[in-house]
N, C-alpha and C. Protein backbone atom coordinates (compact mmCIF):
# COMPACT_ATOMS: atom_id res chain seq x y z
N UNK A 1 11.07 26.81 -31.73
CA UNK A 1 12.43 26.76 -30.66
C UNK A 1 12.82 25.47 -29.90
N UNK A 2 13.22 25.29 -29.79
CA UNK A 2 14.08 23.53 -28.66
C UNK A 2 15.51 24.18 -27.85
N UNK A 3 15.85 23.16 -26.75
CA UNK A 3 17.02 24.04 -25.90
C UNK A 3 17.80 22.33 -25.80
N UNK A 4 18.71 22.06 -25.52
CA UNK A 4 19.48 20.72 -25.55
C UNK A 4 19.93 21.14 -23.60
N UNK A 5 20.10 19.71 -23.60
CA UNK A 5 20.12 19.77 -22.02
C UNK A 5 21.46 18.37 -21.94
N UNK A 6 21.92 18.96 -21.26
CA UNK A 6 23.32 17.63 -20.98
C UNK A 6 23.80 18.79 -19.54
N UNK A 7 24.34 17.29 -19.33
CA UNK A 7 24.64 16.94 -17.58
C UNK A 7 26.17 16.23 -18.00
N UNK A 8 26.90 16.92 -17.82
CA UNK A 8 28.62 16.63 -17.03
C UNK A 8 28.86 15.73 -15.88
N UNK A 9 28.56 14.19 -16.34
CA UNK A 9 28.44 13.50 -15.07
C UNK A 9 29.59 13.35 -14.41
N UNK A 10 31.16 13.78 -15.06
CA UNK A 10 31.95 14.15 -14.39
C UNK A 10 31.87 14.95 -13.49
N UNK A 11 31.09 16.17 -12.97
CA UNK A 11 30.21 17.04 -12.34
C UNK A 11 29.41 16.89 -11.20
N UNK A 12 28.38 16.34 -12.33
CA UNK A 12 27.29 15.46 -11.16
C UNK A 12 27.58 14.61 -9.38
N UNK A 13 27.45 14.82 -8.79
CA UNK A 13 27.52 13.96 -7.62
C UNK A 13 26.19 14.44 -6.83
N UNK A 14 25.17 13.80 -7.56
CA UNK A 14 23.55 13.29 -7.27
C UNK A 14 22.93 13.43 -6.67
N UNK A 15 23.54 15.03 -6.16
CA UNK A 15 22.27 15.83 -4.74
C UNK A 15 20.96 16.26 -5.46
N UNK A 16 20.60 15.57 -6.12
CA UNK A 16 18.94 15.49 -6.70
C UNK A 16 18.65 16.49 -7.16
N UNK A 17 18.84 17.52 -6.29
CA UNK A 17 17.81 18.80 -6.97
C UNK A 17 17.22 18.98 -7.53
N UNK A 18 17.83 18.47 -9.40
CA UNK A 18 16.93 19.00 -10.56
C UNK A 18 16.59 17.74 -11.04
N UNK A 19 16.80 16.27 -9.78
CA UNK A 19 15.66 15.08 -10.39
C UNK A 19 13.73 15.92 -9.30
N UNK A 20 14.75 16.05 -8.13
CA UNK A 20 13.86 16.33 -7.15
C UNK A 20 12.91 17.89 -7.41
N UNK A 21 13.28 18.77 -8.12
CA UNK A 21 12.32 19.58 -8.01
C UNK A 21 11.87 19.52 -10.01
N UNK A 22 11.81 18.84 -10.37
CA UNK A 22 11.51 18.19 -11.58
C UNK A 22 11.86 16.87 -12.48
N UNK A 23 11.06 15.69 -12.04
CA UNK A 23 11.61 14.49 -11.72
C UNK A 23 10.71 13.97 -13.56
N UNK A 24 10.67 14.98 -14.14
CA UNK A 24 9.74 14.62 -15.75
C UNK A 24 10.90 15.09 -16.63
N UNK A 25 11.52 16.09 -15.76
CA UNK A 25 12.67 16.59 -16.81
C UNK A 25 14.10 15.45 -16.07
N UNK A 26 14.40 15.35 -15.46
CA UNK A 26 15.63 14.55 -15.07
C UNK A 26 15.15 13.39 -14.54
N UNK A 27 16.05 12.29 -13.95
CA UNK A 27 16.39 11.76 -13.61
C UNK A 27 17.62 10.53 -12.74
N UNK A 28 17.59 9.87 -12.60
CA UNK A 28 19.14 9.70 -11.13
C UNK A 28 19.56 8.55 -12.11
N UNK A 29 20.73 8.06 -12.51
CA UNK A 29 20.39 6.62 -12.86
C UNK A 29 22.30 6.17 -12.48
N UNK A 30 21.95 5.19 -11.91
CA UNK A 30 23.92 5.12 -10.37
C UNK A 30 23.97 6.33 -10.16
N UNK A 31 23.14 6.52 -9.39
CA UNK A 31 23.70 8.73 -8.41
C UNK A 31 24.17 9.10 -9.38
N UNK A 32 23.83 9.10 -10.70
CA UNK A 32 23.90 10.69 -11.60
C UNK A 32 23.18 10.92 -12.30
N UNK A 33 22.72 12.90 -12.46
CA UNK A 33 21.42 12.47 -12.86
C UNK A 33 21.54 12.92 -15.00
N UNK A 34 20.48 12.59 -15.05
CA UNK A 34 20.77 12.94 -16.50
C UNK A 34 18.99 13.52 -16.95
N UNK A 35 19.05 13.79 -18.42
CA UNK A 35 17.83 14.12 -18.61
C UNK A 35 17.12 13.10 -19.47
N UNK A 36 15.79 12.71 -19.23
CA UNK A 36 14.91 12.43 -19.52
C UNK A 36 15.03 12.66 -21.35
N UNK A 37 14.80 13.63 -21.83
CA UNK A 37 15.08 13.76 -22.96
C UNK A 37 15.82 15.03 -23.28
N UNK A 38 16.85 15.05 -24.00
CA UNK A 38 17.99 16.13 -24.04
C UNK A 38 17.62 17.13 -24.94
N UNK A 39 16.39 17.25 -25.22
CA UNK A 39 14.94 18.89 -26.06
C UNK A 39 14.67 18.15 -25.99
N UNK A 40 14.46 19.74 -25.73
CA UNK A 40 12.93 20.37 -24.83
C UNK A 40 11.94 21.88 -25.39
N UNK A 41 11.47 21.66 -24.34
CA UNK A 41 10.26 22.97 -25.16
C UNK A 41 11.26 24.22 -24.28
N UNK A 42 11.32 25.68 -24.37
CA UNK A 42 11.62 26.62 -23.62
C UNK A 42 11.41 26.60 -22.26
N UNK A 43 11.28 26.04 -20.75
CA UNK A 43 11.13 26.30 -19.84
C UNK A 43 11.57 26.95 -18.37
N UNK A 44 11.37 27.61 -18.33
CA UNK A 44 12.00 28.77 -17.04
C UNK A 44 12.34 27.91 -15.67
N UNK A 45 11.75 26.21 -15.53
CA UNK A 45 12.19 25.73 -14.04
C UNK A 45 13.41 25.33 -14.71
N UNK A 46 13.49 25.26 -16.06
CA UNK A 46 14.95 23.96 -16.08
C UNK A 46 15.98 24.77 -16.28
N UNK A 47 15.70 26.15 -16.03
CA UNK A 47 17.08 27.34 -15.99
C UNK A 47 17.49 27.25 -14.52
N UNK A 48 16.21 27.71 -13.79
CA UNK A 48 16.75 27.75 -11.67
C UNK A 48 17.03 25.74 -12.01
N UNK A 49 16.39 25.02 -11.82
CA UNK A 49 17.09 23.32 -12.00
C UNK A 49 18.41 23.86 -12.00
N UNK A 50 19.25 24.42 -13.67
CA UNK A 50 20.76 24.35 -13.53
C UNK A 50 21.27 25.13 -12.76
N UNK A 51 20.39 26.33 -12.43
CA UNK A 51 21.46 27.22 -11.91
C UNK A 51 21.37 26.92 -9.72
N UNK A 52 20.80 26.20 -9.82
CA UNK A 52 20.61 25.43 -8.18
C UNK A 52 21.82 24.50 -8.08
N UNK A 53 21.96 23.92 -8.90
CA UNK A 53 22.46 22.56 -9.00
C UNK A 53 23.67 23.50 -8.44
N UNK A 54 24.03 22.59 -7.27
CA UNK A 54 25.61 23.10 -6.37
C UNK A 54 26.76 22.73 -7.22
N UNK A 55 26.27 21.56 -8.41
CA UNK A 55 28.24 21.27 -8.64
C UNK A 55 28.22 22.25 -10.11
N UNK A 56 26.49 22.54 -10.83
CA UNK A 56 27.05 23.67 -11.37
C UNK A 56 27.46 22.46 -12.91
N UNK A 57 26.31 21.24 -13.09
CA UNK A 57 27.13 20.23 -13.99
C UNK A 57 25.71 20.58 -15.20
N UNK A 58 24.66 21.02 -15.33
CA UNK A 58 23.43 20.47 -15.95
C UNK A 58 23.97 22.70 -17.08
N UNK A 59 24.36 22.26 -18.22
CA UNK A 59 23.86 23.08 -19.57
C UNK A 59 23.31 22.93 -20.43
N UNK A 60 22.28 24.65 -20.67
CA UNK A 60 21.03 24.49 -21.65
C UNK A 60 21.82 25.18 -22.27
N UNK A 61 21.45 24.62 -23.62
CA UNK A 61 21.71 25.84 -25.05
C UNK A 61 21.03 25.68 -25.79
N UNK A 62 20.55 26.77 -26.51
CA UNK A 62 19.72 27.39 -27.12
C UNK A 62 19.92 26.53 -28.60
N UNK A 63 18.98 25.28 -28.83
CA UNK A 63 19.28 24.83 -30.12
C UNK A 63 19.15 26.04 -31.92
N UNK A 64 18.16 26.81 -31.22
CA UNK A 64 17.99 28.05 -32.53
C UNK A 64 19.27 28.67 -32.86
N UNK A 65 20.59 29.42 -31.27
CA UNK A 65 21.20 30.61 -31.79
C UNK A 65 22.54 29.97 -31.37
N UNK A 66 22.32 29.07 -30.91
CA UNK A 66 23.70 28.34 -29.86
C UNK A 66 24.23 28.73 -28.65
N UNK A 67 23.15 30.01 -28.01
CA UNK A 67 23.39 30.52 -27.50
C UNK A 67 23.89 29.54 -25.73
N UNK A 68 24.25 29.62 -24.91
CA UNK A 68 24.25 28.57 -24.70
C UNK A 68 23.59 29.65 -22.95
N UNK A 69 22.51 29.13 -22.26
CA UNK A 69 21.15 29.75 -21.60
C UNK A 69 22.01 29.76 -19.72
N UNK A 70 22.17 28.31 -19.73
CA UNK A 70 22.89 28.01 -18.24
C UNK A 70 23.72 27.31 -18.56
N UNK A 71 25.08 27.05 -18.26
CA UNK A 71 25.57 26.49 -18.32
C UNK A 71 27.17 26.63 -16.95
N UNK A 72 27.44 25.42 -17.52
CA UNK A 72 28.41 24.78 -15.96
C UNK A 72 29.64 25.93 -16.02
N UNK A 73 30.59 25.94 -14.99
CA UNK A 73 31.82 26.87 -14.16
C UNK A 73 32.30 26.28 -14.95
């Protein structure tokens, strides 16, 4: 099982909460967040980072089922 992480760069305002809490998963590039790897093993901390994103820019999808686990609004 793996998850796909995407960051909507139009929605991201570079608050850095994801990068600050999970620097091994997210990085800031030109003031916007992006995942270091687009596919990861399931990790509840990544779901938390998506939930805490003030701009709802992080989408996480289960690659096996296609289910959105965390999605931008």
